[in-house]
Amino acid sequence: MANSLKKAFDLAVEQVNDGGGIDGHPVAIKYEDSQSDPKQSVAVAQKFVGDDSISLVFGDYSSAASIPASPIYTAGKLLQYGFNNSNPNFTAKGSDYQWSTSITTSASYEWTADYIKDQGITSVGVTYLNTADWGVPAYNAFKAEAEKIGLTITDAEGVLDTSDDYRPSLSNAVAGKPEAFVHIGYGPDAAKIVTQLRAIGYDGTFYGGQDEQSFDATPDAVGSIVGAQFLETSPDAAVQAFVTAFKKKYPSETDVTGFEAGAYDALNVAVAAAKIGGTTREGLLEGFKKIKDVPSIVYGTITFDTATRRIASPKLTPTILKEGKWIAYTG
């Protein structure tokens, strides 16, 4: 994953510099691998804060690694752009220096509950990653919305992404004969879960998964439905221009997902902010507060809600997995 994000950043940097950079000055990125480890992310933060040539930091990739480093970036007055950080606490408990264009897990799984109910489904079985920083809060948001709208959860089972045998939990989750099944987690664990779910004989619609290789290539994942921010198959001209450029630069990459799109967008958002406020740390912060309708291949345009430091009014599109590709779903 980290390598694909780097590729997207490098493509965006190349395009920006080919277009004249920022007021004639080229853009450059320094990379450090924290391995999404909170201890290492703190050490990287200390290094970046002490480097006067760095005006903004992208990341960390995961909220669990980003949040422990946030106080260091705040103290150093270095803007931390957690473009992939969906944990609401990244911005809610951060400072003016934490910003994100990622839709929060709460908003995402509230949408999931609403969408399922809108399909005429009245009951679901659920598995969720039993992790305090992501899975449990995401499930709690889904559960609260389900209770609010009258969507019955017949059973919910906390699981770990390191497991290889989910069958006991899955048997419990479907014992009440739910009309559909929801997994709150990531692609690799969802791939194992949907395969084992079908193996025990459950054939209801699977709401879960992720646009990444292991899930997309799983035969039993066909027909899965999720809410997506980015679709490689979108007919939008800007999306197709990005997909074409990415595959041309990296011929071995056969799929382009929301992860690469989010990184590509993030670089362009930062450049737009720098063109408004300047390239200093203070200037970039001011730029983030003022940018409006920045072109985005994920959202169309990006404007921040400065009170939350999140994208204003993010939208999700129902998508279904067919023949290894996610496409817009209107059923």
Protein backbone atom coordinates (compact mmCIF):
# COMPACT_ATOMS: atom_id res chain seq x y z
CA MET A 1 0.00 0.00 0.00
CA ALA A 2 2.73 2.45 0.94
CA ASN A 3 4.41 1.98 -2.43
CA SER A 4 1.19 2.67 -4.36
CA LEU A 5 0.63 5.87 -2.38
CA LYS A 6 4.19 6.97 -3.16
CA LYS A 7 3.57 6.36 -6.84
CA ALA A 8 0.48 8.58 -6.75
CA PHE A 9 2.34 11.34 -4.91
CA ASP A 10 5.23 11.14 -7.38
CA LEU A 11 2.87 11.38 -10.35
CA ALA A 12 1.19 14.47 -8.86
CA VAL A 13 4.56 16.09 -8.10
CA GLU A 14 5.74 15.44 -11.66
CA GLN A 15 2.60 17.01 -13.12
CA VAL A 16 2.73 20.04 -10.82
CA ASN A 17 6.39 20.67 -11.62
CA ASP A 18 5.78 20.23 -15.35
CA GLY A 19 3.17 22.97 -14.94
CA GLY A 20 5.58 25.39 -13.30
CA GLY A 21 5.51 24.23 -9.69
CA ILE A 22 4.44 26.80 -7.11
CA ASP A 23 5.14 30.26 -8.50
CA GLY A 24 8.01 28.81 -10.51
CA HIS A 25 9.50 26.80 -7.65
CA PRO A 26 9.48 22.99 -7.87
CA VAL A 27 7.70 20.80 -5.34
CA ALA A 28 9.65 18.02 -3.59
CA ILE A 29 8.68 15.28 -1.13
CA LYS A 30 10.85 13.63 1.52
CA TYR A 31 9.73 10.12 2.45
CA GLU A 32 10.10 8.31 5.77
CA ASP A 33 8.60 4.87 6.46
CA SER A 34 6.95 4.72 9.87
CA GLN A 35 5.49 1.28 9.05
CA SER A 36 2.26 2.68 10.58
CA ASP A 37 3.84 2.07 13.98
CA PRO A 38 2.89 4.76 16.56
CA LYS A 39 6.35 4.71 18.12
CA GLN A 40 8.05 5.18 14.77
CA SER A 41 5.54 7.82 13.68
CA VAL A 42 6.47 9.87 16.75
CA ALA A 43 10.17 9.58 15.89
CA VAL A 44 9.44 10.62 12.28
CA ALA A 45 7.40 13.58 13.54
CA GLN A 46 10.30 14.78 15.67
CA LYS A 47 12.60 14.53 12.66
CA PHE A 48 10.23 16.41 10.36
CA VAL A 49 9.49 19.17 12.86
CA GLY A 50 13.22 19.77 13.20
CA ASP A 51 13.72 20.00 9.43
CA ASP A 52 13.18 23.62 8.37
CA SER A 53 12.83 22.61 4.72
CA ILE A 54 9.56 20.78 5.46
CA SER A 55 6.42 22.94 5.37
CA LEU A 56 3.72 20.25 5.54
CA VAL A 57 3.46 16.54 6.37
CA PHE A 58 1.20 13.99 4.66
CA GLY A 59 0.08 11.16 6.91
CA ASP A 60 0.58 8.93 8.64
CA TYR A 61 -1.24 6.33 6.54
CA SER A 62 -3.25 5.08 9.53
CA SER A 63 -5.05 7.11 12.17
CA ALA A 64 -3.55 4.88 14.87
CA ALA A 65 -0.09 6.08 13.86
CA SER A 66 -1.06 9.66 13.07
CA ILE A 67 -2.82 10.56 16.32
CA PRO A 68 0.12 9.88 18.69
CA ALA A 69 2.31 12.12 16.50
CA SER A 70 -0.18 14.99 16.36
CA PRO A 71 0.97 16.80 19.52
CA ILE A 72 4.50 16.96 18.11
CA TYR A 73 3.32 18.48 14.83
CA THR A 74 1.11 20.94 16.71
CA ALA A 75 3.98 22.04 18.95
CA GLY A 76 6.17 22.47 15.87
CA LYS A 77 3.40 24.40 14.04
CA LEU A 78 3.72 21.94 11.18
CA LEU A 79 0.47 21.11 9.39
CA GLN A 80 -0.33 17.40 9.49
CA TYR A 81 -2.48 16.44 6.51
CA GLY A 82 -3.89 13.01 7.37
CA PHE A 83 -5.51 12.56 3.96
CA ASN A 84 -6.29 8.89 4.72
CA ASN A 85 -7.19 9.30 8.41
CA SER A 86 -10.85 8.34 8.86
CA ASN A 87 -10.83 8.17 12.68
CA PRO A 88 -12.93 11.17 13.79
CA ASN A 89 -10.53 11.77 16.69
CA PHE A 90 -7.73 12.74 14.31
CA THR A 91 -9.37 16.10 13.77
CA ALA A 92 -11.93 16.18 16.61
CA LYS A 93 -9.25 15.87 19.29
CA GLY A 94 -6.48 17.48 17.27
CA SER A 95 -5.62 21.13 16.83
CA ASP A 96 -5.71 23.67 14.00
CA TYR A 97 -2.75 21.75 12.54
CA GLN A 98 -4.63 18.49 11.82
CA TRP A 99 -6.62 18.37 8.54
CA SER A 100 -8.11 15.51 6.52
CA THR A 101 -9.99 14.91 3.28
CA SER A 102 -11.01 11.41 4.36
CA ILE A 103 -14.63 10.76 5.21
CA THR A 104 -14.86 9.68 8.85
CA THR A 105 -15.64 6.10 9.80
CA SER A 106 -18.70 7.37 11.66
CA ALA A 107 -20.12 9.06 8.56
CA SER A 108 -19.21 6.08 6.37
CA TYR A 109 -20.96 3.46 8.48
CA GLU A 110 -23.94 5.67 9.22
CA TRP A 111 -24.31 5.88 5.44
CA THR A 112 -24.04 2.07 5.22
CA ALA A 113 -26.86 1.55 7.71
CA ASP A 114 -29.07 4.11 5.96
CA TYR A 115 -28.39 2.63 2.53
CA ILE A 116 -29.16 -0.94 3.63
CA LYS A 117 -32.46 0.14 5.19
CA ASP A 118 -33.34 2.09 2.03
CA GLN A 119 -32.99 -1.18 0.09
CA GLY A 120 -35.90 -2.61 2.06
CA ILE A 121 -33.68 -4.79 4.26
CA THR A 122 -34.79 -5.00 7.89
CA SER A 123 -32.15 -7.22 9.56
CA VAL A 124 -28.39 -7.78 9.31
CA GLY A 125 -25.72 -9.92 10.89
CA VAL A 126 -22.46 -8.11 11.61
CA THR A 127 -18.78 -8.77 12.09
CA TYR A 128 -16.41 -5.94 12.97
CA LEU A 129 -12.71 -5.63 13.67
CA ASN A 130 -12.32 -5.65 17.42
CA THR A 131 -9.83 -2.78 17.53
CA ALA A 132 -10.27 0.16 19.89
CA ASP A 133 -8.93 2.80 17.52
CA TRP A 134 -11.04 1.92 14.47
CA GLY A 135 -13.28 -1.15 14.43
CA VAL A 136 -15.19 -0.64 17.68
CA PRO A 137 -15.94 3.07 17.07
CA ALA A 138 -17.01 2.26 13.50
CA TYR A 139 -19.34 -0.49 14.72
CA ASN A 140 -20.75 1.78 17.41
CA ALA A 141 -21.59 4.39 14.76
CA PHE A 142 -23.27 1.73 12.61
CA LYS A 143 -25.17 0.32 15.60
CA ALA A 144 -26.41 3.74 16.74
CA GLU A 145 -27.67 4.58 13.25
CA ALA A 146 -29.27 1.13 12.88
CA GLU A 147 -31.16 1.61 16.14
CA LYS A 148 -32.25 5.08 15.03
CA ILE A 149 -33.71 3.91 11.70
CA GLY A 150 -35.06 0.52 12.80
CA LEU A 151 -32.50 -1.78 11.19
CA THR A 152 -32.23 -4.90 13.37
CA ILE A 153 -28.80 -6.34 14.14
CA THR A 154 -29.49 -10.01 14.79
CA ASP A 155 -25.97 -10.56 16.14
CA ALA A 156 -22.64 -8.72 16.08
CA GLU A 157 -19.28 -10.45 16.47
CA GLY A 158 -15.94 -8.76 17.14
CA VAL A 159 -13.11 -10.42 15.16
CA LEU A 160 -9.41 -9.92 14.55
CA ASP A 161 -7.81 -9.39 11.17
CA THR A 162 -5.08 -11.89 12.07
CA SER A 163 -7.53 -14.81 12.30
CA ASP A 164 -7.79 -17.45 9.60
CA ASP A 165 -10.91 -19.20 10.91
CA TYR A 166 -13.97 -16.99 11.36
CA ARG A 167 -16.53 -19.77 11.12
CA PRO A 168 -17.60 -19.86 14.81
CA SER A 169 -18.25 -16.10 14.77
CA LEU A 170 -19.97 -16.27 11.39
CA SER A 171 -22.23 -19.11 12.51
CA ASN A 172 -23.32 -17.00 15.46
CA ALA A 173 -23.82 -13.94 13.29
CA VAL A 174 -26.16 -15.72 10.86
CA ALA A 175 -27.99 -17.92 13.35
CA GLY A 176 -30.82 -15.39 13.49
CA LYS A 177 -31.26 -15.61 9.70
CA PRO A 178 -30.50 -11.97 8.87
CA GLU A 179 -31.52 -10.71 5.42
CA ALA A 180 -28.02 -9.33 4.74
CA PHE A 181 -24.54 -9.35 6.21
CA VAL A 182 -22.23 -6.45 7.10
CA HIS A 183 -18.50 -6.62 7.73
CA ILE A 184 -16.87 -3.56 9.25
CA GLY A 185 -13.22 -3.98 8.39
CA TYR A 186 -10.66 -3.95 5.60
CA GLY A 187 -10.16 -5.83 2.35
CA PRO A 188 -7.90 -8.72 3.41
CA ASP A 189 -10.04 -9.75 6.39
CA ALA A 190 -13.25 -9.20 4.39
CA ALA A 191 -11.92 -11.54 1.69
CA LYS A 192 -11.53 -14.35 4.22
CA ILE A 193 -14.86 -13.60 5.87
CA VAL A 194 -16.96 -13.55 2.70
CA THR A 195 -15.36 -16.81 1.53
CA GLN A 196 -16.08 -18.55 4.83
CA LEU A 197 -19.55 -17.01 5.02
CA ARG A 198 -20.46 -18.59 1.69
CA ALA A 199 -18.84 -21.86 2.74
CA ILE A 200 -21.22 -22.20 5.70
CA GLY A 201 -24.15 -21.66 3.34
CA TYR A 202 -25.14 -18.04 3.87
CA ASP A 203 -26.19 -16.41 0.59
CA GLY A 204 -27.49 -12.97 1.63
CA THR A 205 -25.97 -9.78 0.21
CA PHE A 206 -22.55 -8.97 1.64
CA TYR A 207 -22.04 -5.31 2.52
CA GLY A 208 -18.33 -4.89 3.05
CA GLY A 209 -14.92 -5.28 1.52
CA GLN A 210 -12.56 -2.76 0.06
CA ASP A 211 -11.19 -1.83 -3.34
CA GLU A 212 -7.88 -3.62 -3.00
CA GLN A 213 -6.33 -6.60 -4.72
CA SER A 214 -7.00 -9.45 -2.29
CA PHE A 215 -10.69 -8.66 -1.96
CA ASP A 216 -11.33 -7.79 -5.61
CA ALA A 217 -9.79 -11.10 -6.73
CA THR A 218 -11.83 -13.23 -4.29
CA PRO A 219 -14.48 -15.23 -6.22
CA ASP A 220 -16.98 -15.14 -3.36
CA ALA A 221 -16.69 -11.36 -3.13
CA VAL A 222 -18.57 -10.88 -6.41
CA GLY A 223 -21.78 -8.96 -5.73
CA SER A 224 -20.49 -7.25 -2.61
CA ILE A 225 -21.72 -3.69 -2.08
CA VAL A 226 -19.94 -0.73 -0.48
CA GLY A 227 -20.13 3.03 -0.51
CA ALA A 228 -17.22 4.44 -2.51
CA GLN A 229 -15.62 7.85 -2.80
CA PHE A 230 -13.66 7.00 -5.96
CA LEU A 231 -14.40 4.74 -8.91
CA GLU A 232 -11.77 3.83 -11.48
CA THR A 233 -14.64 3.01 -13.85
CA SER A 234 -16.19 6.49 -13.56
CA PRO A 235 -16.76 8.17 -16.95
CA ASP A 236 -15.67 11.51 -15.49
CA ALA A 237 -12.98 13.03 -17.76
CA ALA A 238 -10.71 14.07 -14.87
CA VAL A 239 -10.87 10.60 -13.33
CA GLN A 240 -10.03 8.92 -16.63
CA ALA A 241 -7.17 11.35 -17.27
CA PHE A 242 -5.69 10.42 -13.88
CA VAL A 243 -6.20 6.68 -14.40
CA THR A 244 -4.60 6.86 -17.85
CA ALA A 245 -1.62 8.88 -16.60
CA PHE A 246 -1.11 6.57 -13.60
CA LYS A 247 -1.13 3.41 -15.71
CA LYS A 248 1.12 4.99 -18.33
CA LYS A 249 3.72 5.93 -15.71
CA TYR A 250 3.37 2.59 -13.91
CA PRO A 251 2.50 -0.07 -16.53
CA SER A 252 2.56 -2.86 -13.96
CA GLU A 253 -0.35 -1.29 -12.06
CA THR A 254 -3.55 -2.83 -13.40
CA ASP A 255 -5.92 -1.27 -10.85
CA VAL A 256 -6.23 2.26 -9.51
CA THR A 257 -8.07 2.57 -6.21
CA GLY A 258 -9.28 5.28 -3.88
CA PHE A 259 -6.00 5.08 -1.99
CA GLU A 260 -3.95 6.26 -4.96
CA ALA A 261 -6.63 8.80 -5.88
CA GLY A 262 -6.62 10.19 -2.34
CA ALA A 263 -2.86 10.63 -2.32
CA TYR A 264 -2.93 12.29 -5.74
CA ASP A 265 -5.66 14.67 -4.56
CA ALA A 266 -3.77 15.42 -1.35
CA LEU A 267 -0.70 16.72 -3.16
CA ASN A 268 -2.84 18.95 -5.33
CA VAL A 269 -4.78 20.28 -2.34
CA ALA A 270 -1.51 21.17 -0.59
CA VAL A 271 -0.24 22.93 -3.71
CA ALA A 272 -3.49 24.90 -3.99
CA ALA A 273 -3.12 25.98 -0.35
CA ALA A 274 0.51 27.02 -0.91
CA LYS A 275 -0.48 29.13 -3.90
CA ILE A 276 -2.86 31.05 -1.64
CA GLY A 277 -0.87 31.39 1.58
CA GLY A 278 2.71 30.68 0.57
CA THR A 279 5.05 27.77 1.20
CA THR A 280 5.98 28.52 4.81
CA ARG A 281 4.42 26.51 7.62
CA GLU A 282 2.30 29.48 8.61
CA GLY A 283 1.38 30.19 5.00
CA LEU A 284 0.18 26.66 4.35
CA LEU A 285 -2.04 26.74 7.42
CA GLU A 286 -3.63 29.95 6.19
CA GLY A 287 -4.00 28.46 2.73
CA PHE A 288 -5.84 25.42 4.07
CA LYS A 289 -8.30 27.74 5.81
CA LYS A 290 -9.03 29.59 2.56
CA ILE A 291 -9.01 27.05 -0.27
CA LYS A 292 -12.31 26.52 -2.02
CA ASP A 293 -13.46 24.20 -4.82
CA VAL A 294 -10.04 22.67 -5.49
CA PRO A 295 -10.44 20.16 -8.40
CA SER A 296 -10.58 16.63 -7.02
CA ILE A 297 -10.72 13.26 -8.74
CA VAL A 298 -12.29 11.76 -5.60
CA TYR A 299 -14.97 14.34 -4.80
CA GLY A 300 -15.16 16.54 -7.89
CA THR A 301 -14.08 19.56 -5.85
CA ILE A 302 -12.73 20.01 -2.33
CA THR A 303 -13.65 22.71 0.15
CA PHE A 304 -12.89 22.36 3.85
CA ASP A 305 -15.30 22.95 6.69
CA THR A 306 -12.86 25.03 8.74
CA ALA A 307 -14.70 24.23 11.98
CA THR A 308 -14.04 20.49 11.63
CA ARG A 309 -11.01 20.65 9.29
CA ARG A 310 -12.69 17.94 7.21
CA ILE A 311 -14.08 18.08 3.70
CA ALA A 312 -17.47 19.78 3.59
CA SER A 313 -20.41 17.52 2.61
CA PRO A 314 -18.57 14.37 1.43
CA LYS A 315 -20.63 11.95 -0.64
CA LEU A 316 -20.53 8.19 -1.13
CA THR A 317 -21.65 6.27 -4.20
CA PRO A 318 -23.17 2.78 -3.91
CA THR A 319 -20.89 0.37 -5.80
CA ILE A 320 -20.98 -3.34 -6.56
CA LEU A 321 -18.09 -5.69 -7.34
CA LYS A 322 -18.39 -7.38 -10.73
CA GLU A 323 -15.62 -9.21 -12.60
CA GLY A 324 -12.98 -7.78 -10.28
CA LYS A 325 -14.10 -4.16 -10.79
CA TRP A 326 -16.25 -1.86 -8.69
CA ILE A 327 -18.98 -0.15 -10.66
CA ALA A 328 -21.77 2.22 -9.68
CA TYR A 329 -24.79 0.29 -8.41
CA THR A 330 -28.32 1.46 -9.06
CA GLY A 331 -30.22 -1.67 -8.08
